[in-house]
Amino acid sequence: MGNYCLTVTCATRRGIVAAISGYLADNGCNITDSAQFDDLSGGRFFMRVSFVSEEGRDLASLREGFAPLAERFAMQAGFHDEAARTKVVVMVSRFGHCLNDLLYRWRIGALPIDIVAVISNHMDYQKLVVNHDIPFHCIRVGKDNKPEAEAAQMRIVEETGAELIVLARYMQVLSDAMCQAMSGRIINIHHSFLPSFKGANPYRQAYERGVKLIGATSHYVTADLDEGPIIEQDTVRVTHAQSPEDYVSLGRDVESQVLARAIHAHIHRRVFLNGDRTVVFPASPGSHASERMG
């Protein structure tokens, strides 16, 4: 039996859920998890369905049979094998907490992805990455070579077949061309002080201003710096008794957790772009442990 999922986006109208569930039932499939959302303000419908093909229908035949229904409702629809692992390229600069966290989760099987390469503009984490048997690429980026550097990065993405780029505190601004080429397939993480505290040492700035909550935001990358559709956020409370170093430590922890949760939602196809926003379906209580990771 195949474990698959179906994702659907279309204009909202009556009968969509009935048509989808009827098609799956008629083709020997049993629905194990379903989530849907009608954005009445925007007139868009979103749905994700996990199902088991109890009669052995493969993805190709299910896609082919679904085509007339998709055309009838003008759907953007995709059938996916839930066992398939997303190929990921991680990009990092000199802050390694998110990279270390992702490597650990990947190594113990809590993050079901294939990290096919790590790209950095520095050599700091070469040994760490190579010791995990992952290819490491140092591509220096400067004002004079940015187009050439990005072309080299994209060659790695194409040659490895990577479906997702994760910016694990990669401290370079990507060009509009790269953002457009990988639209909806680049995830970034940053602290949630923006735009209040810019520049160097944002956590010290927060400490000096007596901030009581620090947090992190993970989002898709667009041409507008740090303004892409938000996938995941979280905060942690701090007090006057804590030091700037405590702020940094807590901030790094929440950044790592938020980035990992955003990646999980993306690879399990629980994130749908909805204009400048996202629709993010939570993992159901009965889902596999890798989908419930927090």
Protein backbone atom coordinates (compact mmCIF):
# COMPACT_ATOMS: atom_id res chain seq x y z
CA MET A 1 0.00 0.00 0.00
CA GLY A 2 1.27 3.46 -0.90
CA ASN A 3 1.13 6.34 1.58
CA TYR A 4 0.48 9.49 -0.39
CA CYS A 5 -0.80 13.02 0.02
CA LEU A 6 -2.77 15.30 -2.25
CA THR A 7 -2.46 19.09 -2.12
CA VAL A 8 -5.05 21.34 -3.75
CA THR A 9 -5.41 25.08 -4.28
CA CYS A 10 -8.24 26.65 -6.27
CA ALA A 11 -10.98 29.24 -6.22
CA THR A 12 -13.52 28.50 -3.51
CA ARG A 13 -16.79 26.92 -4.60
CA ARG A 14 -19.28 24.31 -3.46
CA GLY A 15 -18.55 20.61 -3.95
CA ILE A 16 -14.74 20.53 -3.89
CA VAL A 17 -14.37 18.35 -0.78
CA ALA A 18 -17.05 15.94 -1.94
CA ALA A 19 -15.44 15.61 -5.36
CA ILE A 20 -11.97 14.93 -3.92
CA SER A 21 -13.11 12.42 -1.29
CA GLY A 22 -15.34 10.71 -3.84
CA TYR A 23 -12.49 10.37 -6.33
CA LEU A 24 -10.18 8.85 -3.73
CA ALA A 25 -12.83 6.42 -2.48
CA ASP A 26 -13.71 5.35 -6.02
CA ASN A 27 -10.03 4.60 -6.64
CA GLY A 28 -9.48 2.38 -3.62
CA CYS A 29 -7.92 5.00 -1.37
CA ASN A 30 -8.58 5.48 2.34
CA ILE A 31 -8.18 9.01 3.76
CA THR A 32 -6.10 9.05 6.96
CA ASP A 33 -5.77 12.81 7.52
CA SER A 34 -7.46 15.83 5.97
CA ALA A 35 -7.19 19.58 6.47
CA GLN A 36 -8.86 22.38 4.56
CA PHE A 37 -9.25 26.14 4.68
CA ASP A 38 -11.57 28.49 2.84
CA ASP A 39 -10.11 32.00 2.64
CA LEU A 40 -13.40 33.82 2.22
CA SER A 41 -11.73 37.23 1.98
CA GLY A 42 -9.56 36.15 -0.93
CA GLY A 43 -11.87 33.56 -2.43
CA ARG A 44 -9.25 30.79 -2.32
CA PHE A 45 -9.57 27.21 -1.12
CA PHE A 46 -6.70 25.09 0.26
CA MET A 47 -6.68 21.39 1.11
CA ARG A 48 -4.19 18.69 2.08
CA VAL A 49 -5.24 15.05 2.23
CA SER A 50 -3.15 12.09 3.41
CA PHE A 51 -4.37 8.75 2.17
CA VAL A 52 -3.44 5.09 1.71
CA SER A 53 -3.82 3.46 -1.69
CA GLU A 54 -5.29 0.17 -0.48
CA GLU A 55 -5.69 -1.28 -3.96
CA GLY A 56 -2.15 -0.51 -5.11
CA ARG A 57 -2.86 2.45 -7.39
CA ASP A 58 0.40 4.31 -8.08
CA LEU A 59 0.89 8.07 -8.21
CA ALA A 60 1.05 8.25 -11.99
CA SER A 61 -2.35 6.59 -12.47
CA LEU A 62 -3.90 8.65 -9.65
CA ARG A 63 -2.62 11.88 -11.22
CA GLU A 64 -3.90 10.89 -14.64
CA GLY A 65 -7.33 9.96 -13.36
CA PHE A 66 -7.58 13.17 -11.31
CA ALA A 67 -6.83 15.46 -14.27
CA PRO A 68 -10.46 15.93 -15.42
CA LEU A 69 -11.54 16.82 -11.88
CA ALA A 70 -8.66 19.28 -11.53
CA GLU A 71 -9.63 20.89 -14.81
CA ARG A 72 -13.26 21.13 -13.78
CA PHE A 73 -12.39 23.10 -10.63
CA ALA A 74 -9.33 24.90 -12.14
CA MET A 75 -7.17 23.36 -9.40
CA GLN A 76 -3.47 23.49 -8.79
CA ALA A 77 -3.15 19.92 -7.53
CA GLY A 78 -0.25 17.63 -6.70
CA PHE A 79 0.05 13.98 -5.66
CA HIS A 80 3.10 13.19 -3.51
CA ASP A 81 4.74 10.10 -2.04
CA GLU A 82 4.99 10.69 1.72
CA ALA A 83 8.07 8.46 1.92
CA ALA A 84 10.04 10.65 -0.51
CA ARG A 85 12.73 12.76 1.16
CA THR A 86 13.24 16.37 0.09
CA LYS A 87 16.74 17.21 -1.17
CA VAL A 88 18.04 20.28 0.66
CA VAL A 89 21.00 22.64 0.24
CA VAL A 90 21.90 24.47 3.46
CA MET A 91 23.65 27.85 3.28
CA VAL A 92 25.46 29.29 6.29
CA SER A 93 27.94 32.04 7.20
CA ARG A 94 29.61 32.33 10.61
CA PHE A 95 26.76 31.69 13.05
CA GLY A 96 26.55 27.92 13.29
CA HIS A 97 23.75 27.22 15.79
CA CYS A 98 21.07 26.56 13.16
CA LEU A 99 23.40 24.44 11.03
CA ASN A 100 24.42 22.35 14.06
CA ASP A 101 20.80 21.87 15.06
CA LEU A 102 19.76 20.80 11.55
CA LEU A 103 22.65 18.36 11.26
CA TYR A 104 21.76 16.80 14.61
CA ARG A 105 18.07 16.44 13.77
CA TRP A 106 18.99 15.00 10.36
CA ARG A 107 21.49 12.54 11.86
CA ILE A 108 19.06 11.09 14.43
CA GLY A 109 16.26 10.84 11.87
CA ALA A 110 14.08 13.57 13.38
CA LEU A 111 14.42 15.66 10.22
CA PRO A 112 13.53 13.42 7.24
CA ILE A 113 15.44 15.24 4.50
CA ASP A 114 18.53 14.59 2.41
CA ILE A 115 21.11 17.35 2.92
CA VAL A 116 22.88 17.17 -0.43
CA ALA A 117 25.30 20.07 0.12
CA VAL A 118 26.28 22.87 2.48
CA ILE A 119 27.38 26.17 0.95
CA SER A 120 29.19 28.86 2.90
CA ASN A 121 31.02 32.10 2.19
CA HIS A 122 33.52 31.14 4.91
CA MET A 123 35.52 28.01 5.82
CA ASP A 124 34.47 27.87 9.48
CA TYR A 125 32.24 24.78 9.20
CA GLN A 126 34.07 22.75 6.56
CA LYS A 127 35.32 20.12 9.00
CA LEU A 128 31.94 19.80 10.74
CA VAL A 129 30.12 19.27 7.45
CA VAL A 130 32.67 16.92 5.91
CA ASN A 131 32.62 14.81 9.09
CA HIS A 132 28.92 14.25 8.38
CA ASP A 133 29.83 12.98 4.89
CA ILE A 134 28.09 15.95 3.28
CA PRO A 135 29.75 17.91 0.44
CA PHE A 136 30.95 21.36 1.56
CA HIS A 137 31.37 24.25 -0.87
CA CYS A 138 33.02 27.54 0.05
CA ILE A 139 31.91 30.25 -2.35
CA ARG A 140 33.21 33.70 -1.45
CA VAL A 141 30.80 36.54 -2.10
CA GLY A 142 31.77 40.16 -2.62
CA LYS A 143 30.54 43.23 -4.45
CA ASP A 144 32.65 42.37 -7.48
CA ASN A 145 31.66 38.71 -7.89
CA LYS A 146 28.05 38.39 -6.64
CA PRO A 147 26.58 37.28 -10.01
CA GLU A 148 29.33 34.69 -10.50
CA ALA A 149 28.97 33.47 -6.89
CA GLU A 150 25.21 33.02 -7.23
CA ALA A 151 25.66 31.24 -10.57
CA ALA A 152 28.01 28.79 -8.81
CA GLN A 153 25.48 28.30 -6.00
CA MET A 154 22.68 27.61 -8.49
CA ARG A 155 24.86 25.09 -10.33
CA ILE A 156 25.18 23.14 -7.07
CA VAL A 157 21.41 23.29 -6.58
CA GLU A 158 20.79 22.04 -10.11
CA GLU A 159 23.49 19.34 -10.08
CA THR A 160 22.30 17.91 -6.75
CA GLY A 161 18.62 18.10 -7.70
CA ALA A 162 17.92 20.14 -4.57
CA GLU A 163 14.27 21.10 -4.09
CA LEU A 164 14.81 23.48 -1.17
CA ILE A 165 17.45 25.97 -0.01
CA VAL A 166 17.66 26.67 3.72
CA LEU A 167 19.42 29.85 4.82
CA ALA A 168 20.72 28.78 8.24
CA ARG A 169 21.93 32.27 9.19
CA TYR A 170 23.47 32.95 5.78
CA MET A 171 24.43 36.60 6.02
CA GLN A 172 24.27 37.59 2.37
CA VAL A 173 21.35 39.18 0.53
CA LEU A 174 20.19 37.06 -2.41
CA SER A 175 19.55 38.73 -5.76
CA ASP A 176 16.08 39.22 -7.18
CA ALA A 177 16.93 36.73 -9.94
CA MET A 178 17.83 33.96 -7.48
CA CYS A 179 14.75 34.67 -5.35
CA GLN A 180 12.52 34.41 -8.41
CA ALA A 181 14.23 31.27 -9.73
CA MET A 182 13.65 29.52 -6.39
CA SER A 183 10.35 31.19 -5.47
CA GLY A 184 8.67 29.32 -2.62
CA ARG A 185 11.74 27.10 -2.23
CA ILE A 186 14.07 29.20 -0.06
CA ILE A 187 13.46 29.34 3.69
CA ASN A 188 15.20 31.91 5.91
CA ILE A 189 15.41 32.49 9.67
CA HIS A 190 15.97 35.72 11.55
CA HIS A 191 15.45 37.14 15.00
CA SER A 192 12.15 38.93 15.50
CA PHE A 193 13.64 42.30 16.41
CA LEU A 194 13.50 43.46 12.82
CA PRO A 195 12.99 46.26 12.01
CA SER A 196 13.40 47.58 15.57
CA PHE A 197 17.03 46.58 16.08
CA LYS A 198 19.13 46.53 12.94
CA GLY A 199 22.86 46.21 12.46
CA ALA A 200 25.37 44.61 14.80
CA ASN A 201 24.51 43.03 18.16
CA PRO A 202 20.69 43.14 18.02
CA TYR A 203 20.43 41.12 21.24
CA ARG A 204 22.54 43.68 23.12
CA GLN A 205 20.35 46.43 21.70
CA ALA A 206 17.31 44.51 22.95
CA TYR A 207 18.89 44.08 26.39
CA GLU A 208 19.68 47.79 26.62
CA ARG A 209 16.07 48.65 25.75
CA GLY A 210 14.66 46.25 28.35
CA VAL A 211 12.91 43.94 25.90
CA LYS A 212 10.77 41.31 27.65
CA LEU A 213 10.15 38.97 24.71
CA ILE A 214 12.64 37.77 22.13
CA GLY A 215 11.79 35.51 19.26
CA ALA A 216 12.41 34.29 15.74
CA THR A 217 10.63 34.26 12.41
CA SER A 218 11.07 31.78 9.56
CA HIS A 219 9.77 32.79 6.15
CA TYR A 220 10.07 32.22 2.44
CA VAL A 221 12.63 34.45 0.76
CA THR A 222 11.47 37.09 -1.69
CA ALA A 223 13.13 40.07 -3.33
CA ASP A 224 11.92 42.20 -0.39
CA LEU A 225 14.48 41.63 2.36
CA ASP A 226 13.04 39.72 5.34
CA GLU A 227 9.47 40.41 4.19
CA GLY A 228 8.55 37.08 2.58
CA PRO A 229 5.50 35.02 3.58
CA ILE A 230 5.87 33.86 7.19
CA ILE A 231 5.86 30.11 7.91
CA GLU A 232 6.65 29.84 11.63
CA GLN A 233 7.31 32.11 14.62
CA ASP A 234 7.94 31.73 18.34
CA THR A 235 9.01 33.77 21.34
CA VAL A 236 10.66 33.27 24.72
CA ARG A 237 10.27 35.53 27.75
CA VAL A 238 13.29 37.27 29.32
CA THR A 239 13.61 39.37 32.47
CA HIS A 240 15.69 42.21 33.85
CA ALA A 241 17.79 39.64 35.73
CA GLN A 242 19.22 38.12 32.56
CA SER A 243 22.36 39.24 30.79
CA PRO A 244 23.01 40.07 27.13
CA GLU A 245 24.69 36.67 26.88
CA ASP A 246 21.45 35.04 28.09
CA TYR A 247 19.55 36.91 25.39
CA VAL A 248 21.93 35.56 22.76
CA SER A 249 21.70 31.96 24.05
CA LEU A 250 17.92 31.99 24.26
CA GLY A 251 17.67 33.71 20.89
CA ARG A 252 19.80 31.06 19.21
CA ASP A 253 17.68 28.29 20.73
CA VAL A 254 14.41 29.77 19.49
CA GLU A 255 15.88 30.47 16.05
CA SER A 256 16.94 26.83 15.71
CA GLN A 257 13.56 25.50 16.79
CA VAL A 258 11.56 27.83 14.56
CA LEU A 259 13.67 27.06 11.51
CA ALA A 260 13.35 23.28 12.06
CA ARG A 261 9.56 23.56 12.43
CA ALA A 262 9.31 25.64 9.26
CA ILE A 263 11.30 23.04 7.32
CA HIS A 264 9.10 20.25 8.67
CA ALA A 265 5.94 22.02 7.60
CA HIS A 266 7.36 22.65 4.13
CA ILE A 267 8.68 19.14 3.44
CA HIS A 268 5.39 17.59 4.59
CA ARG A 269 3.57 19.94 2.21
CA ARG A 270 1.58 21.62 4.95
CA VAL A 271 2.45 25.14 3.75
CA PHE A 272 0.46 26.87 1.02
CA LEU A 273 1.30 30.28 -0.38
CA ASN A 274 -1.66 32.66 -0.23
CA GLY A 275 -0.47 35.94 -1.72
CA ASP A 276 1.86 37.57 0.80
CA ARG A 277 0.72 35.16 3.52
CA THR A 278 0.76 31.42 4.07
CA VAL A 279 -1.77 28.79 5.06
CA VAL A 280 -0.01 26.30 7.37
CA PHE A 281 -1.88 23.15 8.34
CA PRO A 282 -0.77 21.58 11.65
CA ALA A 283 0.26 17.94 11.84
CA SER A 284 -2.56 15.75 13.13
CA PRO A 285 -2.11 13.95 16.52
CA GLY A 286 -1.91 10.61 14.72
CA SER A 287 0.79 11.67 12.29
CA HIS A 288 4.27 10.16 12.20
CA ALA A 289 6.64 11.49 14.87
CA SER A 290 8.71 13.32 12.27
CA GLU A 291 5.64 15.43 11.44
CA ARG A 292 4.91 16.25 15.08
CA MET A 293 8.40 17.52 15.86
CA GLY A 294 8.39 20.74 17.86
